[in-house]
Amino acid sequence: MPGLRRSAVPAAGLPVALAAATVTGAGPAAASPVAVFRGDGAITAHVTGEHPGYRCQIAAHGVDGPWRPVGADGVVDLDSGPLPAGRHVVSVLCENRDRGDASVHTVARNTEVFTR
């Protein structure tokens, strides 16, 4: 297919890579949290892969959504509340409630979402 790039591990290298992972105890890296946004009269975000027990919020200029706890499954749904129509550049911030501001990290940074 045009525009599609594929990468393959040489067949001879695969057993070596698997053996190295077995010997060192290294495994595949954990996936990073992901946020999917949707805009309508408000901005919503569906976050998956975050640490259970953390809390997250939608943040942008003029938007300071409420903090919501991440469930045991690593999922949280966020809502900005009503917003004026237009373009908004938003982020999702998450934090460990026990550590507070020192643990704040960005899950999705500077994503354009349009409301109507």
N, C-alpha and C. Protein backbone atom coordinates (compact mmCIF):
# COMPACT_ATOMS: atom_id res chain seq x y z
N MET A 1 0.84 -1.18 0.00
CA MET A 1 0.00 0.00 0.00
C MET A 1 0.87 1.24 0.00
N PRO A 2 0.53 2.24 -0.76
CA PRO A 2 1.35 3.45 -0.80
C PRO A 2 1.30 4.18 0.55
N GLY A 3 2.42 4.76 0.93
CA GLY A 3 2.50 5.52 2.16
C GLY A 3 2.62 4.68 3.42
N LEU A 4 2.69 3.38 3.29
CA LEU A 4 2.78 2.50 4.45
C LEU A 4 4.20 1.97 4.54
N ARG A 5 4.82 2.13 5.70
CA ARG A 5 6.17 1.62 5.89
C ARG A 5 6.12 0.46 6.84
N ARG A 6 6.82 -0.56 6.50
CA ARG A 6 6.88 -1.74 7.37
C ARG A 6 8.32 -2.01 7.75
N SER A 7 8.48 -2.58 8.92
CA SER A 7 9.80 -2.94 9.40
C SER A 7 9.72 -4.38 9.88
N ALA A 8 10.74 -5.13 9.58
CA ALA A 8 10.74 -6.53 10.01
C ALA A 8 12.07 -6.85 10.67
N VAL A 9 12.03 -7.71 11.65
CA VAL A 9 13.24 -8.19 12.31
C VAL A 9 13.73 -9.37 11.49
N PRO A 10 15.01 -9.39 11.12
CA PRO A 10 15.51 -10.55 10.38
C PRO A 10 15.25 -11.82 11.16
N ALA A 11 14.89 -12.89 10.46
CA ALA A 11 14.55 -14.15 11.10
C ALA A 11 15.69 -14.67 11.98
N ALA A 12 16.91 -14.46 11.56
CA ALA A 12 18.04 -14.95 12.34
C ALA A 12 18.20 -14.16 13.64
N GLY A 13 17.78 -12.91 13.65
CA GLY A 13 17.95 -12.07 14.84
C GLY A 13 16.89 -12.30 15.89
N LEU A 14 15.74 -12.84 15.51
CA LEU A 14 14.65 -13.01 16.46
C LEU A 14 15.00 -13.95 17.61
N PRO A 15 15.56 -15.14 17.35
CA PRO A 15 15.93 -16.00 18.49
C PRO A 15 16.94 -15.36 19.42
N VAL A 16 17.87 -14.60 18.85
CA VAL A 16 18.87 -13.92 19.68
C VAL A 16 18.20 -12.89 20.57
N ALA A 17 17.26 -12.11 20.00
CA ALA A 17 16.56 -11.09 20.79
C ALA A 17 15.74 -11.75 21.89
N LEU A 18 15.07 -12.84 21.58
CA LEU A 18 14.28 -13.54 22.59
C LEU A 18 15.18 -14.12 23.68
N ALA A 19 16.30 -14.68 23.29
CA ALA A 19 17.23 -15.24 24.27
C ALA A 19 17.78 -14.15 25.17
N ALA A 20 18.09 -12.99 24.61
CA ALA A 20 18.61 -11.88 25.42
C ALA A 20 17.56 -11.42 26.42
N ALA A 21 16.31 -11.36 26.00
CA ALA A 21 15.24 -10.95 26.92
C ALA A 21 15.07 -11.96 28.04
N THR A 22 15.24 -13.24 27.71
CA THR A 22 15.09 -14.29 28.72
C THR A 22 16.24 -14.24 29.72
N VAL A 23 17.46 -14.06 29.24
CA VAL A 23 18.63 -14.06 30.10
C VAL A 23 18.64 -12.83 31.01
N THR A 24 18.33 -11.65 30.45
CA THR A 24 18.42 -10.43 31.24
C THR A 24 17.17 -10.16 32.06
N GLY A 25 16.09 -10.89 31.76
CA GLY A 25 14.84 -10.64 32.46
C GLY A 25 14.08 -9.46 31.88
N ALA A 26 14.62 -8.89 30.80
CA ALA A 26 13.94 -7.76 30.18
C ALA A 26 12.75 -8.25 29.39
N GLY A 27 11.71 -7.50 29.43
CA GLY A 27 10.52 -7.84 28.67
C GLY A 27 10.09 -6.65 27.86
N PRO A 28 8.97 -6.77 27.18
CA PRO A 28 8.50 -5.63 26.42
C PRO A 28 8.15 -4.47 27.35
N ALA A 29 8.41 -3.26 26.89
CA ALA A 29 8.10 -2.09 27.69
C ALA A 29 6.59 -1.94 27.84
N ALA A 30 6.19 -1.44 28.98
CA ALA A 30 4.76 -1.20 29.21
C ALA A 30 4.30 -0.08 28.31
N ALA A 31 3.11 -0.19 27.80
CA ALA A 31 2.56 0.84 26.94
C ALA A 31 2.29 2.11 27.75
N SER A 32 2.49 3.24 27.12
CA SER A 32 2.20 4.51 27.76
C SER A 32 0.71 4.78 27.73
N PRO A 33 0.21 5.56 28.67
CA PRO A 33 -1.20 5.92 28.64
C PRO A 33 -1.55 6.66 27.35
N VAL A 34 -2.80 6.53 26.92
CA VAL A 34 -3.27 7.15 25.68
C VAL A 34 -4.58 7.86 25.97
N ALA A 35 -4.79 9.02 25.35
CA ALA A 35 -6.05 9.75 25.48
C ALA A 35 -6.64 9.96 24.10
N VAL A 36 -7.95 9.73 23.98
CA VAL A 36 -8.68 9.98 22.75
C VAL A 36 -9.70 11.08 23.05
N PHE A 37 -9.63 12.17 22.27
CA PHE A 37 -10.48 13.33 22.48
C PHE A 37 -11.68 13.33 21.54
N ARG A 38 -12.71 14.02 21.98
CA ARG A 38 -13.88 14.26 21.14
C ARG A 38 -14.42 15.63 21.49
N GLY A 39 -14.78 16.40 20.47
CA GLY A 39 -15.34 17.72 20.70
C GLY A 39 -16.78 17.78 20.23
N ASP A 40 -17.63 18.44 21.00
CA ASP A 40 -19.02 18.70 20.63
C ASP A 40 -19.35 20.03 21.29
N GLY A 41 -20.23 20.06 22.26
CA GLY A 41 -20.46 21.27 23.05
C GLY A 41 -19.46 21.36 24.19
N ALA A 42 -18.77 20.24 24.40
CA ALA A 42 -17.73 20.13 25.42
C ALA A 42 -16.63 19.25 24.84
N ILE A 43 -15.54 19.15 25.54
CA ILE A 43 -14.46 18.25 25.14
C ILE A 43 -14.48 17.06 26.09
N THR A 44 -14.44 15.88 25.52
CA THR A 44 -14.33 14.68 26.34
C THR A 44 -13.03 13.97 25.99
N ALA A 45 -12.51 13.24 26.94
CA ALA A 45 -11.30 12.45 26.72
C ALA A 45 -11.49 11.09 27.37
N HIS A 46 -11.13 10.06 26.64
CA HIS A 46 -11.15 8.69 27.14
C HIS A 46 -9.70 8.27 27.30
N VAL A 47 -9.25 8.09 28.52
CA VAL A 47 -7.85 7.76 28.82
C VAL A 47 -7.76 6.29 29.18
N THR A 48 -6.82 5.59 28.57
CA THR A 48 -6.56 4.19 28.88
C THR A 48 -5.09 4.00 29.19
N GLY A 49 -4.79 3.00 30.00
CA GLY A 49 -3.41 2.65 30.29
C GLY A 49 -2.75 3.47 31.39
N GLU A 50 -3.52 4.24 32.11
CA GLU A 50 -2.97 5.04 33.21
C GLU A 50 -2.92 4.18 34.48
N HIS A 51 -2.15 4.61 35.45
CA HIS A 51 -2.02 3.87 36.71
C HIS A 51 -3.33 3.93 37.50
N PRO A 52 -3.86 2.79 37.88
CA PRO A 52 -5.07 2.78 38.72
C PRO A 52 -4.81 3.56 40.02
N GLY A 53 -5.81 4.33 40.41
CA GLY A 53 -5.68 5.13 41.62
C GLY A 53 -5.17 6.54 41.38
N TYR A 54 -4.54 6.80 40.23
CA TYR A 54 -4.13 8.16 39.90
C TYR A 54 -5.39 8.96 39.60
N ARG A 55 -5.25 10.25 39.34
CA ARG A 55 -6.38 11.05 38.90
C ARG A 55 -5.94 11.92 37.73
N CYS A 56 -6.90 12.26 36.86
CA CYS A 56 -6.59 12.99 35.63
C CYS A 56 -7.60 14.10 35.40
N GLN A 57 -7.23 15.06 34.55
CA GLN A 57 -8.11 16.15 34.17
C GLN A 57 -7.76 16.64 32.77
N ILE A 58 -8.75 17.27 32.11
CA ILE A 58 -8.51 17.97 30.85
C ILE A 58 -8.07 19.38 31.21
N ALA A 59 -7.01 19.86 30.56
CA ALA A 59 -6.52 21.20 30.84
C ALA A 59 -6.22 21.92 29.53
N ALA A 60 -6.56 23.21 29.48
CA ALA A 60 -6.29 24.06 28.32
C ALA A 60 -6.49 25.51 28.77
N HIS A 61 -6.18 26.44 27.89
CA HIS A 61 -6.43 27.84 28.18
C HIS A 61 -7.93 28.03 28.40
N GLY A 62 -8.32 28.46 29.58
CA GLY A 62 -9.73 28.66 29.89
C GLY A 62 -10.47 27.39 30.26
N VAL A 63 -9.76 26.25 30.30
CA VAL A 63 -10.38 24.97 30.66
C VAL A 63 -9.58 24.37 31.81
N ASP A 64 -10.26 24.07 32.87
CA ASP A 64 -9.63 23.43 34.01
C ASP A 64 -10.62 22.39 34.51
N GLY A 65 -10.75 21.31 33.74
CA GLY A 65 -11.75 20.28 34.04
C GLY A 65 -11.54 19.67 35.40
N PRO A 66 -12.56 19.08 35.97
CA PRO A 66 -12.42 18.45 37.29
C PRO A 66 -11.51 17.22 37.23
N TRP A 67 -10.81 16.98 38.32
CA TRP A 67 -9.98 15.77 38.43
C TRP A 67 -10.90 14.57 38.61
N ARG A 68 -10.61 13.48 37.91
CA ARG A 68 -11.39 12.24 38.01
C ARG A 68 -10.43 11.09 38.32
N PRO A 69 -10.83 10.18 39.21
CA PRO A 69 -9.96 9.04 39.55
C PRO A 69 -9.90 8.01 38.42
N VAL A 70 -8.73 7.43 38.25
CA VAL A 70 -8.53 6.35 37.28
C VAL A 70 -9.00 5.05 37.93
N GLY A 71 -9.79 4.29 37.20
CA GLY A 71 -10.32 3.04 37.72
C GLY A 71 -9.28 1.94 37.81
N ALA A 72 -9.66 0.83 38.41
CA ALA A 72 -8.77 -0.31 38.57
C ALA A 72 -8.31 -0.88 37.23
N ASP A 73 -9.08 -0.61 36.16
CA ASP A 73 -8.72 -1.09 34.82
C ASP A 73 -7.81 -0.11 34.08
N GLY A 74 -7.41 1.01 34.72
CA GLY A 74 -6.53 1.99 34.09
C GLY A 74 -7.25 2.95 33.16
N VAL A 75 -8.58 3.02 33.28
CA VAL A 75 -9.40 3.85 32.39
C VAL A 75 -10.08 4.96 33.17
N VAL A 76 -10.16 6.14 32.54
CA VAL A 76 -10.92 7.26 33.11
C VAL A 76 -11.51 8.06 31.95
N ASP A 77 -12.76 8.50 32.12
CA ASP A 77 -13.42 9.35 31.14
C ASP A 77 -13.52 10.75 31.73
N LEU A 78 -13.10 11.74 30.93
CA LEU A 78 -13.03 13.12 31.39
C LEU A 78 -13.95 14.00 30.55
N ASP A 79 -14.39 15.11 31.14
CA ASP A 79 -15.28 16.05 30.47
C ASP A 79 -14.89 17.46 30.89
N SER A 80 -14.81 18.37 29.92
CA SER A 80 -14.41 19.74 30.22
C SER A 80 -15.55 20.59 30.74
N GLY A 81 -16.79 20.15 30.52
CA GLY A 81 -17.93 21.02 30.77
C GLY A 81 -18.16 21.86 29.53
N PRO A 82 -19.25 22.63 29.48
CA PRO A 82 -19.60 23.41 28.28
C PRO A 82 -18.49 24.41 27.91
N LEU A 83 -18.25 24.52 26.60
CA LEU A 83 -17.23 25.43 26.09
C LEU A 83 -17.80 26.20 24.90
N PRO A 84 -17.26 27.39 24.63
CA PRO A 84 -17.68 28.11 23.43
C PRO A 84 -17.20 27.36 22.18
N ALA A 85 -17.92 27.56 21.09
CA ALA A 85 -17.54 26.92 19.83
C ALA A 85 -16.17 27.41 19.37
N GLY A 86 -15.42 26.51 18.76
CA GLY A 86 -14.12 26.91 18.22
C GLY A 86 -13.03 25.89 18.48
N ARG A 87 -11.82 26.34 18.22
CA ARG A 87 -10.62 25.51 18.36
C ARG A 87 -10.07 25.63 19.77
N HIS A 88 -9.72 24.50 20.35
CA HIS A 88 -9.12 24.46 21.68
C HIS A 88 -7.89 23.56 21.61
N VAL A 89 -6.80 24.00 22.20
CA VAL A 89 -5.59 23.19 22.29
C VAL A 89 -5.57 22.64 23.72
N VAL A 90 -5.75 21.32 23.82
CA VAL A 90 -5.93 20.71 25.14
C VAL A 90 -4.87 19.67 25.45
N SER A 91 -4.76 19.38 26.72
CA SER A 91 -3.87 18.33 27.22
C SER A 91 -4.63 17.55 28.28
N VAL A 92 -4.15 16.36 28.59
CA VAL A 92 -4.65 15.62 29.73
C VAL A 92 -3.50 15.51 30.72
N LEU A 93 -3.77 15.92 31.95
CA LEU A 93 -2.79 15.82 33.02
C LEU A 93 -3.23 14.75 33.98
N CYS A 94 -2.28 13.96 34.47
CA CYS A 94 -2.57 12.94 35.47
C CYS A 94 -1.55 13.06 36.59
N GLU A 95 -1.95 12.60 37.77
CA GLU A 95 -1.04 12.64 38.91
C GLU A 95 -1.35 11.51 39.88
N ASN A 96 -0.33 11.17 40.65
CA ASN A 96 -0.48 10.24 41.76
C ASN A 96 -1.04 11.07 42.92
N ARG A 97 -2.23 10.74 43.38
CA ARG A 97 -2.87 11.54 44.44
C ARG A 97 -2.05 11.60 45.71
N ASP A 98 -1.29 10.56 46.00
CA ASP A 98 -0.49 10.53 47.22
C ASP A 98 0.72 11.45 47.15
N ARG A 99 1.26 11.66 45.94
CA ARG A 99 2.46 12.48 45.77
C ARG A 99 2.15 13.90 45.34
N GLY A 100 0.95 14.15 44.82
CA GLY A 100 0.54 15.51 44.46
C GLY A 100 1.28 16.07 43.26
N ASP A 101 1.56 17.39 43.30
CA ASP A 101 2.13 18.11 42.16
C ASP A 101 3.43 17.52 41.64
N ALA A 102 4.23 16.91 42.50
CA ALA A 102 5.52 16.36 42.08
C ALA A 102 5.34 15.22 41.08
N SER A 103 4.15 14.62 41.03
CA SER A 103 3.94 13.47 40.15
C SER A 103 3.14 13.80 38.90
N VAL A 104 2.77 15.05 38.69
CA VAL A 104 1.95 15.43 37.54
C VAL A 104 2.71 15.13 36.24
N HIS A 105 2.03 14.46 35.32
CA HIS A 105 2.61 14.18 34.01
C HIS A 105 1.53 14.35 32.95
N THR A 106 1.96 14.58 31.72
CA THR A 106 1.05 14.81 30.61
C THR A 106 0.84 13.52 29.84
N VAL A 107 -0.42 13.16 29.62
CA VAL A 107 -0.74 11.97 28.83
C VAL A 107 -0.89 12.36 27.36
N ALA A 108 -1.59 13.44 27.09
CA ALA A 108 -1.76 13.94 25.73
C ALA A 108 -1.46 15.43 25.77
N ARG A 109 -0.58 15.85 24.90
CA ARG A 109 -0.11 17.24 24.96
C ARG A 109 -0.50 18.00 23.70
N ASN A 110 -1.03 19.20 23.90
CA ASN A 110 -1.30 20.15 22.81
C ASN A 110 -2.03 19.53 21.63
N THR A 111 -3.19 18.96 21.92
CA THR A 111 -4.02 18.35 20.89
C THR A 111 -5.14 19.31 20.53
N GLU A 112 -5.33 19.55 19.22
CA GLU A 112 -6.41 20.43 18.78
C GLU A 112 -7.74 19.69 18.81
N VAL A 113 -8.72 20.30 19.45
CA VAL A 113 -10.08 19.75 19.49
C VAL A 113 -11.02 20.91 19.17
N PHE A 114 -12.00 20.64 18.31
CA PHE A 114 -12.96 21.67 17.92
C PHE A 114 -14.31 21.40 18.56
N THR A 115 -14.90 22.45 19.12
CA THR A 115 -16.24 22.36 19.68
C THR A 115 -17.19 23.17 18.80
N ARG A 116 -18.47 22.83 18.91
CA ARG A 116 -19.45 23.59 18.12
C ARG A 116 -20.60 24.03 18.97
